[in-house]
Amino acid sequence: MSAPKYLAIVKKIEALIRSGQFKEGSQLPTHRELAQQLGTTPITVAKAYKTLAERKLIESFVGRGSFVCNHSQLSDVIRAESSEPEKNLSILQPCLSQHSERLNQVFSQILNRGNEALYGYVEHTGLARHRLMGAMWARHYGLEVTDHNEVVLASGAQHALSALIQCYTQPGDTIAVEALTYPGILSMANMLGRKVVAVAMDGEGMLPHVLDDLCQSSDIAMVMIVPSHQNPTAATMPAERREQIAAVINRHRVWLVEDDIYGFLNPQPIAAITNFAPQYSFHITSLSKAVSPGMRCAFIKTPATECDRLAAFIRATIWLPSPIPFAAAALLIHSGEAFRIAEEQRQIALHRQQLAREQLAGFTLYSQPDSYHLWLELPAYWQADAFTLAAKNRGILVSSASYFKADPLTVTPDAIRLSLMAIENEPALVSTLNQLAELLKRDTRFDYVHC
């Protein structure tokens, strides 16, 4: 028995969206127009459009028509849950099974102490001890911070980014970001009514002279940079590049947000950009990538003049991040165990990068030897969204380059991002990479059912 005709229409339109032939935001034909083109009925097309809307590929509006959704939604890029978790190459996180039992013990220890300070309101954005431990964590990986009173706590790096955007920019302001950047920044800017402008990159990250030209020609309110193991390209800025970026920040007196949540993966600490532009820089670090995403502990080192202002904003919006996960983080940092766990994760990443290069030999890969992820250039016969769909049809989740474009009008690079850490079982990772390599070798762009 053949599948209903509307499902064939769904498959064809999805393929056209993923391949880029139907652009983000573009309007689809009306039910009647498409029915005439395909020799079917408007009711059949309506069923197909309804299914595509349920899959969040299109949006339909009464009186306006149907439009292709923005592919950069976080739910598309990061799939925390998958029907086949052993094939999830889409999410950046540590290998949690390595130390989950220890985390259980730490939280039990914290809660069994019955410390009343963890259950009540706290001045500033958290207990002084927790801010002190945050300063210790960041200092270990290259940040110069001597006064823990310049550290503000946030409920994870995403909350930190959101708070800084809302506190230091206004709707309509422009934020400069890397040309390929973390989609969480793009989603936040869009939701908060801020504009983003893409700054060109090379193998060492954002180009200082391009940023300088942009700051001279445009009214830039904020610059956001991921300096270490950049998401998605894995570029890491050397010290010289960081000083050059800081010089631009100081010259134009623009706010810098340095999102350094992957700094622990550098084999040796690299001085933070913030060190060279302390008056204008906010440095973010957290334990989410090094220890556990569920801890939701972020530390923001602020300029000396801005700590009270940012703390007041956080107090006015959420009052304070929960002290309980910060108590666990402080215990792990003070005992040195957080640093040991971070190093264990780096060693796992080192090994998995080697495995990936073995399984994907012959393809062009970009990463650091100890990155959680890699950036893979596709063969000439593959487009990024088409390959992402083909992999998904085989149960493998990868992230298309289109998810990371800061400028939607630029051509999507034919590349994908692959996370190497979310698959806990190493043989399963090797098997999945091998399946991906076989798919890369095949030109299956047109293996779709035609209507």
Protein backbone atom coordinates (compact mmCIF):
# COMPACT_ATOMS: atom_id res chain seq x y z
CA MET A 1 0.00 0.00 0.00
CA SER A 2 1.51 3.34 -1.06
CA ALA A 3 1.87 6.26 1.34
CA PRO A 4 -0.68 9.10 1.15
CA LYS A 5 0.18 11.62 -1.55
CA TYR A 6 0.35 14.51 0.90
CA LEU A 7 3.33 12.82 2.63
CA ALA A 8 5.20 12.76 -0.67
CA ILE A 9 4.56 16.50 -0.95
CA VAL A 10 5.84 16.96 2.60
CA LYS A 11 9.03 15.08 1.80
CA LYS A 12 9.68 17.06 -1.36
CA ILE A 13 9.10 20.47 0.27
CA GLU A 14 11.24 19.50 3.27
CA ALA A 15 14.04 18.55 0.88
CA LEU A 16 13.74 21.88 -0.93
CA ILE A 17 13.90 23.74 2.38
CA ARG A 18 16.89 21.79 3.65
CA SER A 19 18.74 22.20 0.33
CA GLY A 20 18.23 25.96 0.42
CA GLN A 21 16.05 26.17 -2.69
CA PHE A 22 13.25 27.44 -0.42
CA LYS A 23 15.01 30.18 1.59
CA GLU A 24 14.30 31.09 5.21
CA GLY A 25 11.40 33.53 5.32
CA SER A 26 10.37 32.90 1.72
CA GLN A 27 6.69 32.50 0.89
CA LEU A 28 5.41 29.16 -0.38
CA PRO A 29 2.84 28.82 -3.20
CA THR A 30 -0.82 28.94 -2.17
CA HIS A 31 -2.70 25.67 -1.76
CA ARG A 32 -4.39 26.16 -5.12
CA GLU A 33 -1.19 27.14 -6.98
CA LEU A 34 0.77 24.16 -5.71
CA ALA A 35 -2.14 21.81 -6.36
CA GLN A 36 -2.21 22.94 -9.99
CA GLN A 37 1.55 22.46 -10.34
CA LEU A 38 1.44 18.94 -8.89
CA GLY A 39 -1.85 17.79 -10.40
CA THR A 40 -3.51 17.23 -7.05
CA THR A 41 -6.15 18.94 -4.90
CA PRO A 42 -5.90 21.96 -2.58
CA ILE A 43 -7.07 19.71 0.28
CA THR A 44 -4.06 17.42 -0.25
CA VAL A 45 -1.70 20.43 -0.25
CA ALA A 46 -3.40 21.77 2.91
CA LYS A 47 -2.67 18.45 4.66
CA ALA A 48 0.98 18.67 3.59
CA TYR A 49 1.32 22.26 4.82
CA LYS A 50 -0.29 21.31 8.14
CA THR A 51 2.26 18.51 8.59
CA LEU A 52 5.15 20.84 7.71
CA ALA A 53 3.86 23.37 10.25
CA GLU A 54 3.69 20.66 12.93
CA ARG A 55 7.33 19.86 12.15
CA LYS A 56 8.11 23.59 12.59
CA LEU A 57 9.44 23.89 9.04
CA ILE A 58 6.84 26.41 7.91
CA GLU A 59 4.46 28.93 9.48
CA SER A 60 0.99 29.71 8.09
CA PHE A 61 -0.92 32.95 8.67
CA VAL A 62 -4.54 33.60 7.79
CA GLY A 63 -4.70 36.13 4.96
CA ARG A 64 -0.91 36.17 4.44
CA GLY A 65 0.07 32.65 3.39
CA SER A 66 2.74 30.12 4.39
CA PHE A 67 6.42 30.93 4.97
CA VAL A 68 9.62 28.94 5.60
CA CYS A 69 10.63 29.10 9.27
CA ASN A 70 13.96 30.35 10.51
CA HIS A 71 16.28 27.31 10.59
CA SER A 72 18.36 28.83 13.38
CA GLN A 73 15.92 27.87 16.13
CA LEU A 74 17.77 26.36 19.08
CA SER A 75 15.47 23.34 19.04
CA ASP A 76 16.81 22.52 15.57
CA VAL A 77 20.46 23.03 16.44
CA ILE A 78 20.55 21.35 19.85
CA ARG A 79 18.70 18.09 20.26
CA ALA A 80 19.08 17.18 23.91
CA GLU A 81 16.66 14.30 23.49
CA SER A 82 16.78 11.90 20.57
CA SER A 83 14.99 8.69 19.69
CA GLU A 84 18.47 7.30 18.98
CA PRO A 85 20.77 8.97 21.56
CA GLU A 86 23.70 6.86 20.39
CA LYS A 87 23.61 8.85 17.13
CA ASN A 88 23.33 12.39 18.52
CA LEU A 89 26.17 14.51 17.16
CA SER A 90 24.25 17.77 17.62
CA ILE A 91 24.78 18.80 21.24
CA LEU A 92 27.92 20.08 22.99
CA GLN A 93 28.20 18.70 26.50
CA PRO A 94 30.64 16.73 28.64
CA CYS A 95 30.50 12.93 28.91
CA LEU A 96 28.28 12.89 31.98
CA SER A 97 28.62 9.22 32.91
CA GLN A 98 32.25 9.79 33.84
CA HIS A 99 31.40 11.59 37.08
CA SER A 100 27.64 11.46 37.62
CA GLU A 101 27.99 9.44 40.83
CA ARG A 102 30.40 12.00 42.27
CA LEU A 103 27.93 14.79 41.48
CA ASN A 104 25.22 12.85 43.31
CA GLN A 105 27.49 12.65 46.34
CA VAL A 106 28.33 16.35 46.26
CA PHE A 107 24.69 17.45 46.08
CA SER A 108 23.77 15.01 48.85
CA GLN A 109 26.55 16.41 50.98
CA ILE A 110 25.36 20.00 50.38
CA LEU A 111 21.72 19.25 51.18
CA ASN A 112 22.50 17.11 54.22
CA ARG A 113 24.40 19.97 55.83
CA GLY A 114 21.14 21.91 56.20
CA ASN A 115 22.82 25.29 55.65
CA GLU A 116 20.04 27.86 56.07
CA ALA A 117 21.93 30.39 53.92
CA LEU A 118 21.15 28.22 50.89
CA TYR A 119 17.40 28.50 51.38
CA GLY A 120 16.92 32.20 51.99
CA TYR A 121 17.45 35.51 50.18
CA VAL A 122 21.02 36.67 49.67
CA GLU A 123 22.37 40.15 49.04
CA HIS A 124 24.24 40.91 45.82
CA THR A 125 23.70 38.01 43.37
CA GLY A 126 24.96 35.28 45.65
CA LEU A 127 27.09 34.39 48.64
CA ALA A 128 30.59 35.88 48.80
CA ARG A 129 32.09 32.39 49.03
CA HIS A 130 30.47 31.37 45.77
CA ARG A 131 31.74 34.47 44.00
CA LEU A 132 35.20 33.85 45.44
CA MET A 133 35.20 30.31 44.04
CA GLY A 134 34.03 31.65 40.69
CA ALA A 135 36.99 34.00 40.61
CA MET A 136 39.29 31.06 41.43
CA TRP A 137 37.81 28.98 38.58
CA ALA A 138 38.18 31.75 35.99
CA ARG A 139 41.66 32.73 37.18
CA HIS A 140 42.86 29.16 36.68
CA TYR A 141 42.08 29.42 32.96
CA GLY A 142 43.61 32.80 32.16
CA LEU A 143 41.47 35.60 33.61
CA GLU A 144 43.02 38.30 35.77
CA VAL A 145 40.66 38.87 38.69
CA THR A 146 41.76 39.89 42.17
CA ASP A 147 38.50 41.10 43.71
CA HIS A 148 35.65 38.60 43.96
CA ASN A 149 33.31 41.56 44.48
CA GLU A 150 33.62 42.16 40.72
CA VAL A 151 32.11 38.72 40.07
CA VAL A 152 28.36 38.44 39.47
CA LEU A 153 26.54 35.09 39.49
CA ALA A 154 24.06 34.00 36.82
CA SER A 155 21.94 30.92 36.17
CA GLY A 156 24.15 29.55 33.42
CA ALA A 157 26.00 31.25 30.56
CA GLN A 158 22.81 31.68 28.51
CA HIS A 159 21.27 33.72 31.34
CA ALA A 160 24.49 35.70 31.63
CA LEU A 161 24.41 36.58 27.93
CA SER A 162 20.74 37.55 28.10
CA ALA A 163 21.25 39.74 31.17
CA LEU A 164 24.17 41.59 29.57
CA ILE A 165 22.27 42.22 26.34
CA GLN A 166 19.25 43.56 28.21
CA CYS A 167 21.24 45.62 30.69
CA TYR A 168 23.76 47.21 28.31
CA THR A 169 21.91 47.55 24.99
CA GLN A 170 18.54 48.88 23.89
CA PRO A 171 16.01 47.53 21.37
CA GLY A 172 17.24 48.42 17.90
CA ASP A 173 20.92 48.48 18.95
CA THR A 174 23.50 46.56 16.91
CA ILE A 175 25.64 43.76 18.33
CA ALA A 176 28.75 42.60 16.44
CA VAL A 177 29.26 38.84 16.44
CA GLU A 178 31.42 36.28 14.66
CA ALA A 179 30.24 35.54 11.11
CA LEU A 180 29.51 32.00 12.23
CA THR A 181 28.30 32.07 15.80
CA TYR A 182 26.43 30.27 18.55
CA PRO A 183 22.71 30.25 17.60
CA GLY A 184 21.72 31.07 21.18
CA ILE A 185 23.08 34.58 20.62
CA LEU A 186 21.13 34.94 17.38
CA SER A 187 17.92 33.73 19.01
CA MET A 188 18.30 36.09 21.97
CA ALA A 189 19.08 39.10 19.79
CA ASN A 190 16.06 38.38 17.63
CA MET A 191 13.70 37.92 20.58
CA LEU A 192 14.98 41.05 22.33
CA GLY A 193 14.78 43.25 19.24
CA ARG A 194 18.52 43.75 18.77
CA LYS A 195 20.26 43.66 15.41
CA VAL A 196 23.34 41.54 14.77
CA VAL A 197 26.11 42.26 12.30
CA ALA A 198 28.57 39.59 11.17
CA VAL A 199 32.32 40.15 11.53
CA ALA A 200 34.55 38.12 9.22
CA MET A 201 36.74 35.38 10.69
CA ASP A 202 39.82 33.37 9.84
CA GLY A 203 41.38 30.29 11.45
CA GLU A 204 42.11 32.29 14.62
CA GLY A 205 38.64 33.76 15.04
CA MET A 206 37.25 37.27 14.58
CA LEU A 207 39.43 39.59 12.45
CA PRO A 208 40.49 42.69 14.43
CA HIS A 209 40.84 45.01 11.41
CA VAL A 210 37.32 44.12 10.20
CA LEU A 211 35.92 44.81 13.66
CA ASP A 212 37.83 48.09 13.75
CA ASP A 213 36.40 49.19 10.39
CA LEU A 214 32.91 48.21 11.51
CA CYS A 215 33.18 50.18 14.77
CA GLN A 216 34.29 53.23 12.78
CA SER A 217 31.52 53.01 10.20
CA SER A 218 28.62 51.79 12.35
CA ASP A 219 27.11 52.45 15.77
CA ILE A 220 28.06 49.20 17.54
CA ALA A 221 26.66 48.83 21.07
CA MET A 222 28.31 45.53 21.99
CA VAL A 223 30.76 42.93 20.67
CA MET A 224 30.31 39.24 21.52
CA ILE A 225 33.17 36.76 21.07
CA VAL A 226 33.84 33.11 21.93
CA PRO A 227 37.67 33.12 22.09
CA SER A 228 38.38 29.45 22.80
CA HIS A 229 37.16 26.43 20.79
CA GLN A 230 34.67 28.73 19.10
CA ASN A 231 31.22 27.36 18.40
CA PRO A 232 30.93 26.20 15.62
CA THR A 233 34.35 26.56 13.93
CA ALA A 234 36.51 25.48 16.93
CA ALA A 235 38.87 28.43 16.24
CA THR A 236 40.95 29.48 19.25
CA MET A 237 42.43 32.96 19.47
CA PRO A 238 46.14 33.10 20.32
CA ALA A 239 47.31 35.74 22.80
CA GLU A 240 48.38 38.19 20.09
CA ARG A 241 44.94 38.15 18.42
CA ARG A 242 43.27 38.69 21.79
CA GLU A 243 45.40 41.76 22.44
CA GLN A 244 44.52 43.11 18.98
CA ILE A 245 40.79 42.66 19.65
CA ALA A 246 41.19 44.37 23.03
CA ALA A 247 42.94 47.31 21.36
CA VAL A 248 39.88 47.79 19.11
CA ILE A 249 37.57 47.63 22.14
CA ASN A 250 39.64 50.20 24.02
CA ARG A 251 39.91 52.51 21.00
CA HIS A 252 36.16 52.61 20.35
CA ARG A 253 35.04 52.22 23.99
CA VAL A 254 32.45 49.60 23.13
CA TRP A 255 31.22 46.87 25.48
CA LEU A 256 32.81 43.44 24.99
CA VAL A 257 31.20 40.18 26.12
CA GLU A 258 33.82 37.42 26.20
CA ASP A 259 32.02 34.08 26.38
CA ASP A 260 34.87 31.81 27.51
CA ILE A 261 32.99 28.68 28.56
CA TYR A 262 35.41 26.42 26.64
CA GLY A 263 38.61 27.97 28.00
CA PHE A 264 39.25 24.92 30.20
CA LEU A 265 39.94 22.89 27.03
CA ASN A 266 43.09 24.84 26.20
CA PRO A 267 46.17 22.75 27.08
CA GLN A 268 47.73 25.86 28.66
CA PRO A 269 45.86 28.94 29.92
CA ILE A 270 45.61 31.80 27.42
CA ALA A 271 45.21 35.32 28.73
CA ALA A 272 41.61 36.51 28.45
CA ILE A 273 40.75 39.41 26.13
CA THR A 274 39.22 41.01 29.23
CA ASN A 275 42.68 41.28 30.77
CA PHE A 276 43.64 43.84 28.11
CA ALA A 277 40.37 45.82 28.14
CA PRO A 278 39.10 45.59 31.74
CA GLN A 279 37.13 48.86 31.64
CA TYR A 280 34.82 47.66 28.86
CA SER A 281 34.79 43.86 29.13
CA PHE A 282 32.50 41.28 30.70
CA HIS A 283 34.03 37.81 30.97
CA ILE A 284 31.71 34.79 31.26
CA THR A 285 32.68 31.32 32.36
CA SER A 286 30.73 28.43 33.80
CA LEU A 287 30.82 24.75 34.76
CA SER A 288 28.22 23.64 32.23
CA LYS A 289 30.69 22.31 29.64
CA ALA A 290 33.38 21.19 32.06
CA VAL A 291 31.23 19.45 34.69
CA SER A 292 27.48 19.39 34.02
CA PRO A 293 24.93 21.45 32.03
CA GLY A 294 22.44 20.87 34.84
CA MET A 295 24.45 22.86 37.39
CA ARG A 296 23.50 26.21 35.72
CA CYS A 297 26.35 28.10 37.35
CA ALA A 298 27.90 31.04 35.50
CA PHE A 299 30.39 33.64 36.73
CA ILE A 300 30.54 37.10 35.15
CA LYS A 301 33.64 39.19 35.81
CA THR A 302 32.55 42.81 35.34
CA PRO A 303 34.39 46.11 34.96
CA ALA A 304 34.93 47.63 38.40
CA THR A 305 32.33 50.29 37.66
CA GLU A 306 29.60 47.89 36.54
CA CYS A 307 29.24 45.21 39.19
CA ASP A 308 26.49 46.96 41.16
CA ARG A 309 24.53 47.86 38.03
CA LEU A 310 24.53 44.32 36.65
CA ALA A 311 23.79 42.82 40.07
CA ALA A 312 20.83 45.20 40.42
CA PHE A 313 19.50 44.14 37.01
CA ILE A 314 19.70 40.45 37.91
CA ARG A 315 18.09 41.16 41.27
CA ALA A 316 15.24 43.00 39.52
CA THR A 317 14.62 40.16 37.05
CA ILE A 318 15.18 36.87 38.92
CA TRP A 319 16.30 38.19 42.33
CA LEU A 320 19.18 35.70 42.49
CA PRO A 321 20.35 32.42 40.98
CA SER A 322 19.67 29.44 43.22
CA PRO A 323 22.50 29.14 45.78
CA ILE A 324 22.23 25.33 45.88
CA PRO A 325 24.05 24.48 42.63
CA PHE A 326 26.60 27.20 43.41
CA ALA A 327 27.27 25.53 46.77
CA ALA A 328 28.02 22.29 44.94
CA ALA A 329 30.20 24.15 42.42
CA ALA A 330 32.09 25.89 45.23
CA LEU A 331 32.76 22.57 46.95
CA LEU A 332 34.06 21.06 43.71
CA ILE A 333 36.26 24.08 42.95
CA HIS A 334 37.66 24.43 46.48
CA SER A 335 38.55 20.75 46.68
CA GLY A 336 40.19 20.86 43.25
CA GLU A 337 37.84 18.21 41.92
CA ALA A 338 36.24 20.57 39.39
CA PHE A 339 39.64 21.08 37.78
CA ARG A 340 40.30 17.32 37.73
CA ILE A 341 36.92 16.66 36.10
CA ALA A 342 37.60 19.39 33.52
CA GLU A 343 40.96 17.81 32.68
CA GLU A 344 39.36 14.37 32.39
CA GLN A 345 36.88 15.80 29.90
CA ARG A 346 39.71 17.40 27.93
CA GLN A 347 41.49 14.05 27.74
CA ILE A 348 38.30 12.37 26.50
CA ALA A 349 37.98 15.09 23.86
CA LEU A 350 41.59 14.53 22.78
CA HIS A 351 40.96 10.82 22.26
CA ARG A 352 37.67 11.37 20.46
CA GLN A 353 39.20 13.89 18.10
CA GLN A 354 41.71 11.21 17.12
CA LEU A 355 38.92 8.71 16.55
CA ALA A 356 37.02 11.21 14.43
CA ARG A 357 40.02 11.89 12.22
CA GLU A 358 40.48 8.17 11.70
CA GLN A 359 36.85 7.56 10.77
CA LEU A 360 36.56 10.70 8.64
CA ALA A 361 39.96 10.42 6.96
CA GLY A 362 39.96 12.03 3.52
CA PHE A 363 37.52 14.82 4.47
CA THR A 364 38.40 18.39 5.43
CA LEU A 365 38.08 18.92 9.18
CA TYR A 366 38.75 21.93 11.41
CA SER A 367 39.15 21.74 15.18
CA GLN A 368 41.64 21.95 18.01
CA PRO A 369 43.14 18.63 19.15
CA ASP A 370 41.06 18.83 22.35
CA SER A 371 37.81 20.47 21.15
CA TYR A 372 34.42 18.98 21.98
CA HIS A 373 33.40 19.37 18.34
CA LEU A 374 34.72 19.71 14.82
CA TRP A 375 33.76 21.65 11.69
CA LEU A 376 33.50 19.43 8.63
CA GLU A 377 33.56 20.78 5.07
CA LEU A 378 31.24 18.77 2.85
CA PRO A 379 32.18 17.36 -0.57
CA ALA A 380 31.19 19.57 -3.51
CA TYR A 381 28.07 17.52 -4.29
CA TRP A 382 26.53 18.13 -0.84
CA GLN A 383 24.75 21.21 0.52
CA ALA A 384 24.69 21.67 4.30
CA ASP A 385 20.93 21.46 4.86
CA ALA A 386 20.50 18.63 2.36
CA PHE A 387 23.18 16.61 4.10
CA THR A 388 21.69 17.34 7.52
CA LEU A 389 18.35 15.99 6.29
CA ALA A 390 19.96 12.91 4.72
CA ALA A 391 21.77 12.17 8.00
CA LYS A 392 18.56 12.70 9.97
CA ASN A 393 16.78 10.18 7.72
CA ARG A 394 19.41 7.68 8.88
CA GLY A 395 18.90 8.54 12.55
CA ILE A 396 22.05 10.68 12.85
CA LEU A 397 21.69 14.23 14.21
CA VAL A 398 24.22 16.81 12.99
CA SER A 399 24.12 20.63 12.86
CA SER A 400 24.03 22.42 9.51
CA ALA A 401 26.18 25.48 8.87
CA SER A 402 22.96 27.40 8.14
CA TYR A 403 22.12 27.33 11.86
CA PHE A 404 25.18 29.44 12.68
CA LYS A 405 25.06 32.23 10.07
CA ALA A 406 24.95 35.66 11.65
CA ASP A 407 24.01 37.19 8.28
CA PRO A 408 21.10 35.24 6.74
CA LEU A 409 21.75 36.87 3.34
CA THR A 410 25.19 35.30 2.94
CA VAL A 411 25.69 31.98 1.19
CA THR A 412 25.57 29.04 3.60
CA PRO A 413 28.96 27.30 3.84
CA ASP A 414 28.78 23.67 2.77
CA ALA A 415 29.76 22.44 6.21
CA ILE A 416 28.36 20.85 9.36
CA ARG A 417 29.27 20.86 13.04
CA LEU A 418 29.78 17.52 14.75
CA SER A 419 29.78 17.12 18.53
CA LEU A 420 31.95 14.24 19.73
CA MET A 421 31.01 14.12 23.42
CA ALA A 422 27.26 13.59 23.77
CA ILE A 423 27.42 9.92 22.72
CA GLU A 424 28.53 8.24 25.92
CA ASN A 425 29.42 4.87 24.42
CA GLU A 426 32.67 5.09 22.44
CA PRO A 427 32.00 2.11 20.14
CA ALA A 428 28.63 3.73 19.30
CA LEU A 429 30.43 6.96 18.45
CA VAL A 430 32.84 5.15 16.14
CA SER A 431 29.97 3.31 14.45
CA THR A 432 28.01 6.57 13.96
CA LEU A 433 31.04 8.36 12.51
CA ASN A 434 31.62 5.44 10.17
CA GLN A 435 28.00 5.64 8.95
CA LEU A 436 28.45 9.37 8.45
CA ALA A 437 31.61 8.78 6.41
CA GLU A 438 29.73 6.38 4.13
CA LEU A 439 27.00 8.97 3.62
CA LEU A 440 29.58 11.66 2.85
CA LYS A 441 30.94 9.52 0.03
CA ARG A 442 27.56 9.19 -1.66
CA ASP A 443 25.82 11.79 -3.76
CA THR A 444 22.27 11.20 -2.53
CA ARG A 445 20.96 14.74 -2.95
CA PHE A 446 18.21 13.55 -5.25
CA ASP A 447 17.18 10.44 -3.36
CA TYR A 448 13.78 11.93 -2.61
CA VAL A 449 10.33 10.75 -3.64
CA HIS A 450 9.02 12.95 -6.46
CA CYS A 451 5.41 14.04 -6.42
